[in-house]
Structure formats: structure tokens, C-alpha cells
């Protein structure tokens, strides 16, 4: 009976370890996406600064075009910031899930050790 329980605990340990590997892969994917969005945002901000640095006299149409381009850059920046916020939130949730799973794994390993001691004491 104790041996069967130990086997169940070992299978649970394996499934927890697989889940932790999947969580780590998900976190790596999200981190790469976060880096890509940050890079895109930096490029956009550089282009935005370059547009804003134009000085001198503008015709009415050139001024409207500049305003339009700046507004477009602002919308894109807001979109990228929203993506970043979402990615940060996902990564935080993932970290919390990973911590819970690691706790479950530690508990499972302790229970396995107790079962091994009980099995060893019976023999």
C-alpha cells in the first residue's frame, strides 16, 4: 500500500517538473517578446524625437503633416506601452504560478521521503 502511494507521489513529482519546465519556457518566450517590444518602443521614441527636433518655419501643410506624424507616433507608443504592461502582468502571474508549483514540488518530495522512511521501517 505504501509502495503504491510512493509511486503516485513519484508520478506527481514528474508531472510537476514537466509543468515547471513549461512555465520556464513560457517565461522565456514572454521575456523575449518584452525585449522586442522595448526595442521597438525605443526606436519609435528615437523617430519621435527626430520629428520633434525639426525647427524653423513650416508651411501650413508641412505643419499639419508633422502634427499628424507626431500623433501617429504617440498612438503607436501608447500601444507598445499597453503591450508592455500586459507582458509584465503575464510574467508576474507566471512567476506566482511557478512559485506555487515549486512549493507543491517541495511538499511532494518531503512526502516521498516520509514514505521511504516508513517503507524502510517496515522491512
PDB file of N, CA and C in Angstrom:
ATOM      1  N   UNK A   1       0.824  -1.198   0.000  1.00  0.00           N
ATOM      2  CA  UNK A   1       0.000   0.000   0.000  1.00  0.00           C
ATOM      3  C   UNK A   1       0.868   1.261   0.000  1.00  0.00           C
ATOM      4  N   UNK A   2       1.867   1.298   0.874  1.00  0.00           N
ATOM      5  CA  UNK A   2       2.750   2.463   0.916  1.00  0.00           C
ATOM      6  C   UNK A   2       3.560   2.591  -0.369  1.00  0.00           C
ATOM      7  N   UNK A   3       3.918   1.435  -0.953  1.00  0.00           N
ATOM      8  CA  UNK A   3       4.663   1.475  -2.216  1.00  0.00           C
ATOM      9  C   UNK A   3       3.817   2.087  -3.330  1.00  0.00           C
ATOM     10  N   UNK A   4       2.537   1.751  -3.358  1.00  0.00           N
ATOM     11  CA  UNK A   4       1.648   2.328  -4.375  1.00  0.00           C
ATOM     12  C   UNK A   4       1.522   3.832  -4.183  1.00  0.00           C
ATOM     13  N   UNK A   5       1.412   4.244  -2.935  1.00  0.00           N
ATOM     14  CA  UNK A   5       1.323   5.675  -2.641  1.00  0.00           C
ATOM     15  C   UNK A   5       2.609   6.388  -3.054  1.00  0.00           C
ATOM     16  N   UNK A   6       3.745   5.748  -2.813  1.00  0.00           N
ATOM     17  CA  UNK A   6       5.023   6.326  -3.221  1.00  0.00           C
ATOM     18  C   UNK A   6       5.090   6.469  -4.741  1.00  0.00           C
ATOM     19  N   UNK A   7       4.624   5.463  -5.463  1.00  0.00           N
ATOM     20  CA  UNK A   7       4.615   5.532  -6.934  1.00  0.00           C
ATOM     21  C   UNK A   7       3.739   6.695  -7.414  1.00  0.00           C
ATOM     22  N   UNK A   8       2.596   6.878  -6.761  1.00  0.00           N
ATOM     23  CA  UNK A   8       1.723   8.003  -7.115  1.00  0.00           C
ATOM     24  C   UNK A   8       2.430   9.334  -6.880  1.00  0.00           C
ATOM     25  N   UNK A   9       3.108   9.441  -5.760  1.00  0.00           N
ATOM     26  CA  UNK A   9       3.846  10.674  -5.445  1.00  0.00           C
ATOM     27  C   UNK A   9       4.956  10.914  -6.468  1.00  0.00           C
ATOM     28  N   UNK A  10       5.607   9.853  -6.912  1.00  0.00           N
ATOM     29  CA  UNK A  10       6.679   9.998  -7.901  1.00  0.00           C
ATOM     30  C   UNK A  10       6.123  10.461  -9.248  1.00  0.00           C
ATOM     31  N   UNK A  11       4.969   9.921  -9.633  1.00  0.00           N
ATOM     32  CA  UNK A  11       4.346  10.379 -10.889  1.00  0.00           C
ATOM     33  C   UNK A  11       3.929  11.841 -10.776  1.00  0.00           C
ATOM     34  N   UNK A  12       3.416  12.205  -9.620  1.00  0.00           N
ATOM     35  CA  UNK A  12       3.031  13.609  -9.399  1.00  0.00           C
ATOM     36  C   UNK A  12       4.262  14.508  -9.478  1.00  0.00           C
ATOM     37  N   UNK A  13       5.373  14.047  -8.915  1.00  0.00           N
ATOM     38  CA  UNK A  13       6.620  14.812  -8.991  1.00  0.00           C
ATOM     39  C   UNK A  13       7.026  15.039 -10.445  1.00  0.00           C
ATOM     40  N   UNK A  14       6.940  13.987 -11.249  1.00  0.00           N
ATOM     41  CA  UNK A  14       7.308  14.122 -12.661  1.00  0.00           C
ATOM     42  C   UNK A  14       6.409  15.123 -13.379  1.00  0.00           C
ATOM     43  N   UNK A  15       5.114  15.052 -13.106  1.00  0.00           N
ATOM     44  CA  UNK A  15       4.204  15.992 -13.774  1.00  0.00           C
ATOM     45  C   UNK A  15       4.464  17.427 -13.315  1.00  0.00           C
ATOM     46  N   UNK A  16       4.794  17.606 -12.038  1.00  0.00           N
ATOM     47  CA  UNK A  16       5.122  18.951 -11.544  1.00  0.00           C
ATOM     48  C   UNK A  16       6.395  19.475 -12.205  1.00  0.00           C
ATOM     49  N   UNK A  17       7.379  18.604 -12.365  1.00  0.00           N
ATOM     50  CA  UNK A  17       8.630  19.024 -13.012  1.00  0.00           C
ATOM     51  C   UNK A  17       8.397  19.405 -14.477  1.00  0.00           C
ATOM     52  N   UNK A  18       7.561  18.635 -15.167  1.00  0.00           N
ATOM     53  CA  UNK A  18       7.230  18.960 -16.561  1.00  0.00           C
ATOM     54  C   UNK A  18       6.531  20.311 -16.626  1.00  0.00           C
ATOM     55  N   UNK A  19       5.613  20.532 -15.717  1.00  0.00           N
ATOM     56  CA  UNK A  19       4.887  21.799 -15.677  1.00  0.00           C
ATOM     57  C   UNK A  19       5.843  22.956 -15.413  1.00  0.00           C
ATOM     58  N   UNK A  20       6.798  22.772 -14.502  1.00  0.00           N
ATOM     59  CA  UNK A  20       7.777  23.825 -14.217  1.00  0.00           C
ATOM     60  C   UNK A  20       8.636  24.134 -15.439  1.00  0.00           C
ATOM     61  N   UNK A  21       8.989  23.115 -16.204  1.00  0.00           N
ATOM     62  CA  UNK A  21       9.760  23.338 -17.435  1.00  0.00           C
ATOM     63  C   UNK A  21       8.923  24.138 -18.432  1.00  0.00           C
ATOM     64  N   UNK A  22       7.650  23.804 -18.534  1.00  0.00           N
ATOM     65  CA  UNK A  22       6.767  24.547 -19.435  1.00  0.00           C
ATOM     66  C   UNK A  22       6.624  25.999 -18.990  1.00  0.00           C
ATOM     67  N   UNK A  23       6.507  26.208 -17.696  1.00  0.00           N
ATOM     68  CA  UNK A  23       6.402  27.575 -17.179  1.00  0.00           C
ATOM     69  C   UNK A  23       7.676  28.362 -17.471  1.00  0.00           C
ATOM     70  N   UNK A  24       8.826  27.721 -17.342  1.00  0.00           N
ATOM     71  CA  UNK A  24      10.097  28.391 -17.640  1.00  0.00           C
ATOM     72  C   UNK A  24      10.178  28.749 -19.121  1.00  0.00           C
ATOM     73  N   UNK A  25       9.711  27.854 -19.985  1.00  0.00           N
ATOM     74  CA  UNK A  25       9.709  28.137 -21.421  1.00  0.00           C
ATOM     75  C   UNK A  25       8.758  29.290 -21.740  1.00  0.00           C
ATOM     76  N   UNK A  26       7.600  29.301 -21.103  1.00  0.00           N
ATOM     77  CA  UNK A  26       6.651  30.400 -21.302  1.00  0.00           C
ATOM     78  C   UNK A  26       7.250  31.726 -20.850  1.00  0.00           C
ATOM     79  N   UNK A  27       7.946  31.700 -19.721  1.00  0.00           N
ATOM     80  CA  UNK A  27       8.567  32.920 -19.216  1.00  0.00           C
ATOM     81  C   UNK A  27       9.653  33.408 -20.171  1.00  0.00           C
ATOM     82  N   UNK A  28      10.431  32.494 -20.716  1.00  0.00           N
ATOM     83  CA  UNK A  28      11.473  32.879 -21.673  1.00  0.00           C
ATOM     84  C   UNK A  28      10.852  33.492 -22.926  1.00  0.00           C
ATOM     85  N   UNK A  29       9.746  32.911 -23.383  1.00  0.00           N
ATOM     86  CA  UNK A  29       9.050  33.449 -24.556  1.00  0.00           C
ATOM     87  C   UNK A  29       8.523  34.855 -24.268  1.00  0.00           C
ATOM     88  N   UNK A  30       7.927  35.040 -23.098  1.00  0.00           N
ATOM     89  CA  UNK A  30       7.406  36.356 -22.729  1.00  0.00           C
ATOM     90  C   UNK A  30       8.535  37.371 -22.550  1.00  0.00           C
ATOM     91  N   UNK A  31       9.656  36.935 -21.994  1.00  0.00           N
ATOM     92  CA  UNK A  31      10.799  37.839 -21.813  1.00  0.00           C
ATOM     93  C   UNK A  31      11.342  38.290 -23.166  1.00  0.00           C
ATOM     94  N   UNK A  32      11.408  37.368 -24.123  1.00  0.00           N
ATOM     95  CA  UNK A  32      11.876  37.726 -25.464  1.00  0.00           C
ATOM     96  C   UNK A  32      10.907  38.708 -26.117  1.00  0.00           C
ATOM     97  N   UNK A  33       9.625  38.465 -25.945  1.00  0.00           N
ATOM     98  CA  UNK A  33       8.610  39.372 -26.503  1.00  0.00           C
ATOM     99  C   UNK A  33       8.711  40.746 -25.842  1.00  0.00           C
ATOM    100  N   UNK A  34       8.937  40.769 -24.542  1.00  0.00           N
ATOM    101  CA  UNK A  34       9.065  42.030 -23.815  1.00  0.00           C
ATOM    102  C   UNK A  34      10.283  42.807 -24.321  1.00  0.00           C
ATOM    103  N   UNK A  35      11.382  42.123 -24.551  1.00  0.00           N
ATOM    104  CA  UNK A  35      12.585  42.771 -25.076  1.00  0.00           C
ATOM    105  C   UNK A  35      12.327  43.343 -26.465  1.00  0.00           C
ATOM    106  N   UNK A  36      11.626  42.585 -27.298  1.00  0.00           N
ATOM    107  CA  UNK A  36      11.322  43.055 -28.649  1.00  0.00           C
ATOM    108  C   UNK A  36      10.441  44.302 -28.609  1.00  0.00           C
ATOM    109  N   UNK A  37       9.449  44.304 -27.734  1.00  0.00           N
ATOM    110  CA  UNK A  37       8.558  45.467 -27.627  1.00  0.00           C
ATOM    111  C   UNK A  37       9.329  46.673 -27.093  1.00  0.00           C
ATOM    112  N   UNK A  38      10.203  46.452 -26.119  1.00  0.00           N
ATOM    113  CA  UNK A  38      11.024  47.554 -25.599  1.00  0.00           C
ATOM    114  C   UNK A  38      11.925  48.135 -26.688  1.00  0.00           C
ATOM    115  N   UNK A  39      12.518  47.262 -27.498  1.00  0.00           N
ATOM    116  CA  UNK A  39      13.366  47.733 -28.594  1.00  0.00           C
ATOM    117  C   UNK A  39      12.557  48.539 -29.606  1.00  0.00           C
ATOM    118  N   UNK A  40      11.369  48.038 -29.944  1.00  0.00           N
ATOM    119  CA  UNK A  40      10.509  48.756 -30.888  1.00  0.00           C
ATOM    120  C   UNK A  40      10.107  50.110 -30.316  1.00  0.00           C
ATOM    121  N   UNK A  41       9.845  50.145 -29.030  1.00  0.00           N
ATOM    122  CA  UNK A  41       9.450  51.408 -28.398  1.00  0.00           C
ATOM    123  C   UNK A  41      10.608  52.406 -28.408  1.00  0.00           C
ATOM    124  N   UNK A  42      11.817  51.924 -28.148  1.00  0.00           N
ATOM    125  CA  UNK A  42      12.986  52.817 -28.186  1.00  0.00           C
ATOM    126  C   UNK A  42      13.202  53.388 -29.589  1.00  0.00           C
ATOM    127  N   UNK A  43      13.057  52.534 -30.592  1.00  0.00           N
ATOM    128  CA  UNK A  43      13.190  53.014 -31.974  1.00  0.00           C
ATOM    129  C   UNK A  43      12.134  54.069 -32.282  1.00  0.00           C
ATOM    130  N   UNK A  44      10.916  53.796 -31.879  1.00  0.00           N
ATOM    131  CA  UNK A  44       9.819  54.729 -32.117  1.00  0.00           C
ATOM    132  C   UNK A  44      10.072  56.053 -31.407  1.00  0.00           C
ATOM    133  N   UNK A  45      10.561  55.993 -30.181  1.00  0.00           N
ATOM    134  CA  UNK A  45      10.842  57.225 -29.444  1.00  0.00           C
ATOM    135  C   UNK A  45      11.971  58.012 -30.098  1.00  0.00           C
ATOM    136  N   UNK A  46      12.948  57.309 -30.662  1.00  0.00           N
ATOM    137  CA  UNK A  46      14.018  57.993 -31.388  1.00  0.00           C
ATOM    138  C   UNK A  46      13.480  58.715 -32.612  1.00  0.00           C
ATOM    139  N   UNK A  47      12.603  58.038 -33.346  1.00  0.00           N
ATOM    140  CA  UNK A  47      11.990  58.664 -34.520  1.00  0.00           C
ATOM    141  C   UNK A  47      11.117  59.844 -34.099  1.00  0.00           C
ATOM    142  N   UNK A  48      10.423  59.692 -33.005  1.00  0.00           N
ATOM    143  CA  UNK A  48       9.572  60.753 -32.478  1.00  0.00           C
ATOM    144  C   UNK A  48      10.418  61.975 -32.122  1.00  0.00           C
ATOM    145  N   UNK A  49      11.543  61.749 -31.442  1.00  0.00           N
ATOM    146  CA  UNK A  49      12.434  62.868 -31.093  1.00  0.00           C
ATOM    147  C   UNK A  49      12.992  63.547 -32.340  1.00  0.00           C
ATOM    148  N   UNK A  50      13.324  62.744 -33.343  1.00  0.00           N
ATOM    149  CA  UNK A  50      13.856  63.311 -34.585  1.00  0.00           C
ATOM    150  C   UNK A  50      12.811  64.210 -35.245  1.00  0.00           C
ATOM    151  N   UNK A  51      11.561  63.762 -35.246  1.00  0.00           N
ATOM    152  CA  UNK A  51      10.492  64.592 -35.817  1.00  0.00           C
ATOM    153  C   UNK A  51      10.297  65.862 -34.996  1.00  0.00           C
ATOM    154  N   UNK A  52      10.324  65.726 -33.687  1.00  0.00           N
ATOM    155  CA  UNK A  52      10.088  66.876 -32.815  1.00  0.00           C
ATOM    156  C   UNK A  52      11.246  67.868 -32.867  1.00  0.00           C
ATOM    157  N   UNK A  53      12.410  67.419 -33.305  1.00  0.00           N
ATOM    158  CA  UNK A  53      13.587  68.290 -33.348  1.00  0.00           C
ATOM    159  C   UNK A  53      13.570  69.238 -34.543  1.00  0.00           C
ATOM    160  N   UNK A  54      12.684  68.986 -35.497  1.00  0.00           N
ATOM    161  CA  UNK A  54      12.604  69.894 -36.642  1.00  0.00           C
ATOM    162  C   UNK A  54      12.235  71.295 -36.149  1.00  0.00           C
ATOM    163  N   UNK A  55      12.948  72.250 -36.632  1.00  0.00           N
ATOM    164  CA  UNK A  55      12.654  73.624 -36.220  1.00  0.00           C
ATOM    165  C   UNK A  55      12.627  74.517 -37.452  1.00  0.00           C
ATOM    166  N   UNK A  56      12.254  75.719 -37.231  1.00  0.00           N
ATOM    167  CA  UNK A  56      12.184  76.673 -38.332  1.00  0.00           C
ATOM    168  C   UNK A  56      10.745  76.966 -38.695  1.00  0.00           C
ATOM    169  N   UNK A  57      10.589  77.557 -39.845  1.00  0.00           N
ATOM    170  CA  UNK A  57       9.245  77.900 -40.297  1.00  0.00           C
ATOM    171  C   UNK A  57       8.667  76.742 -41.094  1.00  0.00           C
ATOM    172  N   UNK A  58       7.385  76.522 -40.891  1.00  0.00           N
ATOM    173  CA  UNK A  58       6.682  75.455 -41.593  1.00  0.00           C
ATOM    174  C   UNK A  58       5.512  76.064 -42.345  1.00  0.00           C
ATOM    175  N   UNK A  59       5.261  75.504 -43.503  1.00  0.00           N
ATOM    176  CA  UNK A  59       4.030  75.886 -44.196  1.00  0.00           C
ATOM    177  C   UNK A  59       2.881  75.206 -43.453  1.00  0.00           C
ATOM    178  N   UNK A  60       1.679  75.639 -43.746  1.00  0.00           N
ATOM    179  CA  UNK A  60       0.517  75.069 -43.064  1.00  0.00           C
ATOM    180  C   UNK A  60       0.430  73.565 -43.315  1.00  0.00           C
ATOM    181  N   UNK A  61       0.649  73.146 -44.555  1.00  0.00           N
ATOM    182  CA  UNK A  61       0.548  71.714 -44.871  1.00  0.00           C
ATOM    183  C   UNK A  61       1.681  70.924 -44.209  1.00  0.00           C
ATOM    184  N   UNK A  62       2.894  71.488 -44.176  1.00  0.00           N
ATOM    185  CA  UNK A  62       4.020  70.797 -43.534  1.00  0.00           C
ATOM    186  C   UNK A  62       3.787  70.679 -42.034  1.00  0.00           C
ATOM    187  N   UNK A  63       3.213  71.722 -41.438  1.00  0.00           N
ATOM    188  CA  UNK A  63       2.925  71.686 -40.010  1.00  0.00           C
ATOM    189  C   UNK A  63       1.857  70.633 -39.698  1.00  0.00           C
ATOM    190  N   UNK A  64       0.834  70.569 -40.527  1.00  0.00           N
ATOM    191  CA  UNK A  64      -0.214  69.562 -40.335  1.00  0.00           C
ATOM    192  C   UNK A  64       0.356  68.155 -40.498  1.00  0.00           C
ATOM    193  N   UNK A  65       1.236  67.984 -41.470  1.00  0.00           N
ATOM    194  CA  UNK A  65       1.851  66.673 -41.679  1.00  0.00           C
ATOM    195  C   UNK A  65       2.704  66.283 -40.466  1.00  0.00           C
ATOM    196  N   UNK A  66       3.473  67.234 -39.945  1.00  0.00           N
ATOM    197  CA  UNK A  66       4.298  66.974 -38.765  1.00  0.00           C
ATOM    198  C   UNK A  66       3.423  66.608 -37.563  1.00  0.00           C
ATOM    199  N   UNK A  67       2.358  67.356 -37.356  1.00  0.00           N
ATOM    200  CA  UNK A  67       1.440  67.054 -36.250  1.00  0.00           C
ATOM    201  C   UNK A  67       0.829  65.664 -36.413  1.00  0.00           C
ATOM    202  N   UNK A  68       0.466  65.351 -37.637  1.00  0.00           N
ATOM    203  CA  UNK A  68      -0.128  64.044 -37.916  1.00  0.00           C
ATOM    204  C   UNK A  68       0.865  62.917 -37.620  1.00  0.00           C
ATOM    205  N   UNK A  69       2.105  63.094 -38.055  1.00  0.00           N
ATOM    206  CA  UNK A  69       3.129  62.078 -37.806  1.00  0.00           C
ATOM    207  C   UNK A  69       3.416  61.937 -36.312  1.00  0.00           C
ATOM    208  N   UNK A  70       3.476  63.062 -35.607  1.00  0.00           N
ATOM    209  CA  UNK A  70       3.708  63.010 -34.163  1.00  0.00           C
ATOM    210  C   UNK A  70       2.550  62.313 -33.443  1.00  0.00           C
ATOM    211  N   UNK A  71       1.334  62.593 -33.867  1.00  0.00           N
ATOM    212  CA  UNK A  71       0.163  61.947 -33.265  1.00  0.00           C
ATOM    213  C   UNK A  71       0.180  60.439 -33.542  1.00  0.00           C
ATOM    214  N   UNK A  72       0.592  60.069 -34.750  1.00  0.00           N
ATOM    215  CA  UNK A  72       0.694  58.651 -35.104  1.00  0.00           C
ATOM    216  C   UNK A  72       1.735  57.960 -34.221  1.00  0.00           C
ATOM    217  N   UNK A  73       2.870  58.621 -34.036  1.00  0.00           N
ATOM    218  CA  UNK A  73       3.918  58.067 -33.173  1.00  0.00           C
ATOM    219  C   UNK A  73       3.413  57.929 -31.729  1.00  0.00           C
ATOM    220  N   UNK A  74       2.647  58.903 -31.288  1.00  0.00           N
ATOM    221  CA  UNK A  74       2.118  58.846 -29.926  1.00  0.00           C
ATOM    222  C   UNK A  74       1.168  57.663 -29.755  1.00  0.00           C
ATOM    223  N   UNK A  75       0.298  57.435 -30.742  1.00  0.00           N
ATOM    224  CA  UNK A  75      -0.624  56.298 -30.680  1.00  0.00           C
ATOM    225  C   UNK A  75       0.148  54.977 -30.676  1.00  0.00           C
ATOM    226  N   UNK A  76       1.172  54.890 -31.520  1.00  0.00           N
ATOM    227  CA  UNK A  76       1.978  53.670 -31.553  1.00  0.00           C
ATOM    228  C   UNK A  76       2.693  53.455 -30.219  1.00  0.00           C
ATOM    229  N   UNK A  77       3.187  54.535 -29.634  1.00  0.00           N
ATOM    230  CA  UNK A  77       3.870  54.434 -28.347  1.00  0.00           C
ATOM    231  C   UNK A  77       2.906  53.960 -27.259  1.00  0.00           C
ATOM    232  N   UNK A  78       1.698  54.484 -27.260  1.00  0.00           N
ATOM    233  CA  UNK A  78       0.697  54.048 -26.286  1.00  0.00           C
ATOM    234  C   UNK A  78       0.373  52.569 -26.468  1.00  0.00           C
ATOM    235  N   UNK A  79       0.274  52.140 -27.715  1.00  0.00           N
ATOM    236  CA  UNK A  79       0.003  50.733 -27.996  1.00  0.00           C
ATOM    237  C   UNK A  79       1.137  49.842 -27.483  1.00  0.00           C
ATOM    238  N   UNK A  80       2.371  50.262 -27.737  1.00  0.00           N
ATOM    239  CA  UNK A  80       3.518  49.491 -27.255  1.00  0.00           C
ATOM    240  C   UNK A  80       3.568  49.473 -25.726  1.00  0.00           C
ATOM    241  N   UNK A  81       3.231  50.597 -25.107  1.00  0.00           N
ATOM    242  CA  UNK A  81       3.215  50.641 -23.638  1.00  0.00           C
ATOM    243  C   UNK A  81       2.151  49.702 -23.084  1.00  0.00           C
ATOM    244  N   UNK A  82       0.992  49.646 -23.735  1.00  0.00           N
ATOM    245  CA  UNK A  82      -0.056  48.718 -23.304  1.00  0.00           C
ATOM    246  C   UNK A  82       0.411  47.270 -23.435  1.00  0.00           C
ATOM    247  N   UNK A  83       1.125  46.976 -24.529  1.00  0.00           N
ATOM    248  CA  UNK A  83       1.667  45.627 -24.708  1.00  0.00           C
ATOM    249  C   UNK A  83       2.669  45.296 -23.601  1.00  0.00           C
ATOM    250  N   UNK A  84       3.519  46.264 -23.279  1.00  0.00           N
ATOM    251  CA  UNK A  84       4.499  46.052 -22.203  1.00  0.00           C
ATOM    252  C   UNK A  84       3.807  45.795 -20.871  1.00  0.00           C
ATOM    253  N   UNK A  85       2.795  46.589 -20.569  1.00  0.00           N
ATOM    254  CA  UNK A  85       2.056  46.406 -19.319  1.00  0.00           C
ATOM    255  C   UNK A  85       1.437  45.011 -19.257  1.00  0.00           C
ATOM    256  N   UNK A  86       0.886  44.581 -20.377  1.00  0.00           N
ATOM    257  CA  UNK A  86       0.279  43.255 -20.445  1.00  0.00           C
ATOM    258  C   UNK A  86       1.327  42.158 -20.243  1.00  0.00           C
ATOM    259  N   UNK A  87       2.482  42.315 -20.876  1.00  0.00           N
ATOM    260  CA  UNK A  87       3.549  41.323 -20.737  1.00  0.00           C
ATOM    261  C   UNK A  87       4.076  41.262 -19.305  1.00  0.00           C
ATOM    262  N   UNK A  88       4.229  42.411 -18.689  1.00  0.00           N
ATOM    263  CA  UNK A  88       4.695  42.442 -17.293  1.00  0.00           C
ATOM    264  C   UNK A  88       3.683  41.734 -16.398  1.00  0.00           C
ATOM    265  N   UNK A  89       2.417  41.996 -16.623  1.00  0.00           N
ATOM    266  CA  UNK A  89       1.364  41.356 -15.836  1.00  0.00           C
ATOM    267  C   UNK A  89       1.386  39.836 -16.028  1.00  0.00           C
ATOM    268  N   UNK A  90       1.527  39.399 -17.274  1.00  0.00           N
ATOM    269  CA  UNK A  90       1.589  37.964 -17.549  1.00  0.00           C
ATOM    270  C   UNK A  90       2.783  37.317 -16.871  1.00  0.00           C
ATOM    271  N   UNK A  91       3.933  37.992 -16.929  1.00  0.00           N
ATOM    272  CA  UNK A  91       5.139  37.430 -16.315  1.00  0.00           C
ATOM    273  C   UNK A  91       5.008  37.366 -14.797  1.00  0.00           C
ATOM    274  N   UNK A  92       4.361  38.362 -14.199  1.00  0.00           N
ATOM    275  CA  UNK A  92       4.140  38.324 -12.751  1.00  0.00           C
ATOM    276  C   UNK A  92       3.228  37.162 -12.365  1.00  0.00           C
ATOM    277  N   UNK A  93       2.177  36.981 -13.141  1.00  0.00           N
ATOM    278  CA  UNK A  93       1.259  35.876 -12.883  1.00  0.00           C
ATOM    279  C   UNK A  93       1.979  34.538 -13.058  1.00  0.00           C
ATOM    280  N   UNK A  94       2.819  34.459 -14.077  1.00  0.00           N
ATOM    281  CA  UNK A  94       3.589  33.246 -14.327  1.00  0.00           C
ATOM    282  C   UNK A  94       4.558  32.965 -13.179  1.00  0.00           C
ATOM    283  N   UNK A  95       5.191  34.001 -12.670  1.00  0.00           N
ATOM    284  CA  UNK A  95       6.122  33.838 -11.543  1.00  0.00           C
ATOM    285  C   UNK A  95       5.378  33.339 -10.304  1.00  0.00           C
ATOM    286  N   UNK A  96       4.180  33.855 -10.093  1.00  0.00           N
ATOM    287  CA  UNK A  96       3.380  33.411  -8.955  1.00  0.00           C
ATOM    288  C   UNK A  96       3.000  31.939  -9.116  1.00  0.00           C
ATOM    289  N   UNK A  97       2.586  31.565 -10.312  1.00  0.00           N
ATOM    290  CA  UNK A  97       2.231  30.170 -10.578  1.00  0.00           C
ATOM    291  C   UNK A  97       3.443  29.266 -10.382  1.00  0.00           C
ATOM    292  N   UNK A  98       4.597  29.720 -10.877  1.00  0.00           N
ATOM    293  CA  UNK A  98       5.824  28.932 -10.735  1.00  0.00           C
ATOM    294  C   UNK A  98       6.179  28.748  -9.255  1.00  0.00           C
ATOM    295  N   UNK A  99       6.032  29.797  -8.461  1.00  0.00           N
ATOM    296  CA  UNK A  99       6.327  29.698  -7.027  1.00  0.00           C
ATOM    297  C   UNK A  99       5.389  28.695  -6.352  1.00  0.00           C
ATOM    298  N   UNK A 100       4.120  28.720  -6.735  1.00  0.00           N
ATOM    299  CA  UNK A 100       3.162  27.767  -6.172  1.00  0.00           C
ATOM    300  C   UNK A 100       3.535  26.337  -6.546  1.00  0.00           C
ATOM    301  N   UNK A 101       3.911  26.141  -7.819  1.00  0.00           N
ATOM    302  CA  UNK A 101       4.280  24.801  -8.275  1.00  0.00           C
ATOM    303  C   UNK A 101       5.551  24.306  -7.590  1.00  0.00           C
ATOM    304  N   UNK A 102       6.504  25.201  -7.393  1.00  0.00           N
ATOM    305  CA  UNK A 102       7.736  24.817  -6.695  1.00  0.00           C
ATOM    306  C   UNK A 102       7.431  24.428  -5.253  1.00  0.00           C
ATOM    307  N   UNK A 103       6.505  25.132  -4.625  1.00  0.00           N
ATOM    308  CA  UNK A 103       6.082  24.770  -3.273  1.00  0.00           C
ATOM    309  C   UNK A 103       5.426  23.400  -3.242  1.00  0.00           C
ATOM    310  N   UNK A 104       4.589  23.132  -4.229  1.00  0.00           N
ATOM    311  CA  UNK A 104       3.942  21.823  -4.308  1.00  0.00           C
ATOM    312  C   UNK A 104       4.978  20.723  -4.526  1.00  0.00           C
ATOM    313  N   UNK A 105       5.987  21.014  -5.340  1.00  0.00           N
ATOM    314  CA  UNK A 105       7.042  20.032  -5.591  1.00  0.00           C
ATOM    315  C   UNK A 105       7.826  19.744  -4.308  1.00  0.00           C
ATOM    316  N   UNK A 106       8.184  20.788  -3.578  1.00  0.00           N
ATOM    317  CA  UNK A 106       8.909  20.583  -2.312  1.00  0.00           C
ATOM    318  C   UNK A 106       8.078  19.739  -1.336  1.00  0.00           C
ATOM    319  N   UNK A 107       6.794  20.043  -1.256  1.00  0.00           N
ATOM    320  CA  UNK A 107       5.911  19.277  -0.372  1.00  0.00           C
ATOM    321  C   UNK A 107       5.857  17.817  -0.812  1.00  0.00           C
ATOM    322  N   UNK A 108       5.745  17.607  -2.114  1.00  0.00           N
ATOM    323  CA  UNK A 108       5.694  16.252  -2.647  1.00  0.00           C
ATOM    324  C   UNK A 108       6.981  15.489  -2.320  1.00  0.00           C
ATOM    325  N   UNK A 109       8.116  16.147  -2.466  1.00  0.00           N
ATOM    326  CA  UNK A 109       9.395  15.490  -2.176  1.00  0.00           C
ATOM    327  C   UNK A 109       9.513  15.134  -0.690  1.00  0.00           C
ATOM    328  N   UNK A 110       9.034  16.020   0.179  1.00  0.00           N
ATOM    329  CA  UNK A 110       9.039  15.716   1.617  1.00  0.00           C
ATOM    330  C   UNK A 110       8.158  14.498   1.914  1.00  0.00           C
ATOM    331  N   UNK A 111       6.989  14.468   1.279  1.00  0.00           N
ATOM    332  CA  UNK A 111       6.077  13.342   1.494  1.00  0.00           C
ATOM    333  C   UNK A 111       6.688  12.041   0.988  1.00  0.00           C
ATOM    334  N   UNK A 112       7.387  12.110  -0.135  1.00  0.00           N
ATOM    335  CA  UNK A 112       8.057  10.913  -0.647  1.00  0.00           C
ATOM    336  C   UNK A 112       9.121  10.422   0.335  1.00  0.00           C
ATOM    337  N   UNK A 113       9.870  11.355   0.888  1.00  0.00           N
ATOM    338  CA  UNK A 113      10.913  10.981   1.846  1.00  0.00           C
ATOM    339  C   UNK A 113      10.297  10.320   3.080  1.00  0.00           C
ATOM    340  N   UNK A 114       9.183  10.842   3.555  1.00  0.00           N
ATOM    341  CA  UNK A 114       8.497  10.238   4.700  1.00  0.00           C
ATOM    342  C   UNK A 114       8.042   8.817   4.362  1.00  0.00           C
ATOM    343  N   UNK A 115       7.484   8.659   3.155  1.00  0.00           N
ATOM    344  CA  UNK A 115       7.031   7.328   2.749  1.00  0.00           C
ATOM    345  C   UNK A 115       8.203   6.358   2.657  1.00  0.00           C
ATOM    346  N   UNK A 116       9.324   6.820   2.135  1.00  0.00           N
ATOM    347  CA  UNK A 116      10.509   5.951   2.040  1.00  0.00           C
ATOM    348  C   UNK A 116      10.963   5.514   3.436  1.00  0.00           C
ATOM    349  N   UNK A 117      10.931   6.446   4.383  1.00  0.00           N
ATOM    350  CA  UNK A 117      11.314   6.101   5.755  1.00  0.00           C
ATOM    351  C   UNK A 117      10.344   5.087   6.357  1.00  0.00           C
ATOM    352  N   UNK A 118       9.051   5.275   6.092  1.00  0.00           N
ATOM    353  CA  UNK A 118       8.058   4.319   6.593  1.00  0.00           C
ATOM    354  C   UNK A 118       8.238   2.945   5.959  1.00  0.00           C
ATOM    355  N   UNK A 119       8.486   2.941   4.654  1.00  0.00           N
ATOM    356  CA  UNK A 119       8.690   1.673   3.943  1.00  0.00           C
ATOM    357  C   UNK A 119       9.952   0.991   4.462  1.00  0.00           C
ATOM    358  N   UNK A 120      11.001   1.765   4.670  1.00  0.00           N
ATOM    359  CA  UNK A 120      12.251   1.209   5.199  1.00  0.00           C
ATOM    360  C   UNK A 120      12.080   0.674   6.607  1.00  0.00           C
ATOM    361  N   UNK A 121      11.244   1.309   7.400  1.00  0.00           N
ATOM    362  CA  UNK A 121      10.999   0.856   8.767  1.00  0.00           C
ATOM    363  C   UNK A 121      10.186  -0.421   8.827  1.00  0.00           C
ATOM    364  N   UNK A 122       9.375  -0.671   7.792  1.00  0.00           N
ATOM    365  CA  UNK A 122       8.554  -1.882   7.760  1.00  0.00           C
ATOM    366  C   UNK A 122       9.377  -3.104   7.378  1.00  0.00           C
ATOM    367  N   UNK A 123      10.443  -2.889   6.667  1.00  0.00           N
ATOM    368  CA  UNK A 123      11.208  -4.037   6.156  1.00  0.00           C
ATOM    369  C   UNK A 123      12.197  -4.557   7.127  1.00  0.00           C
TER     370      UNK A 123
END
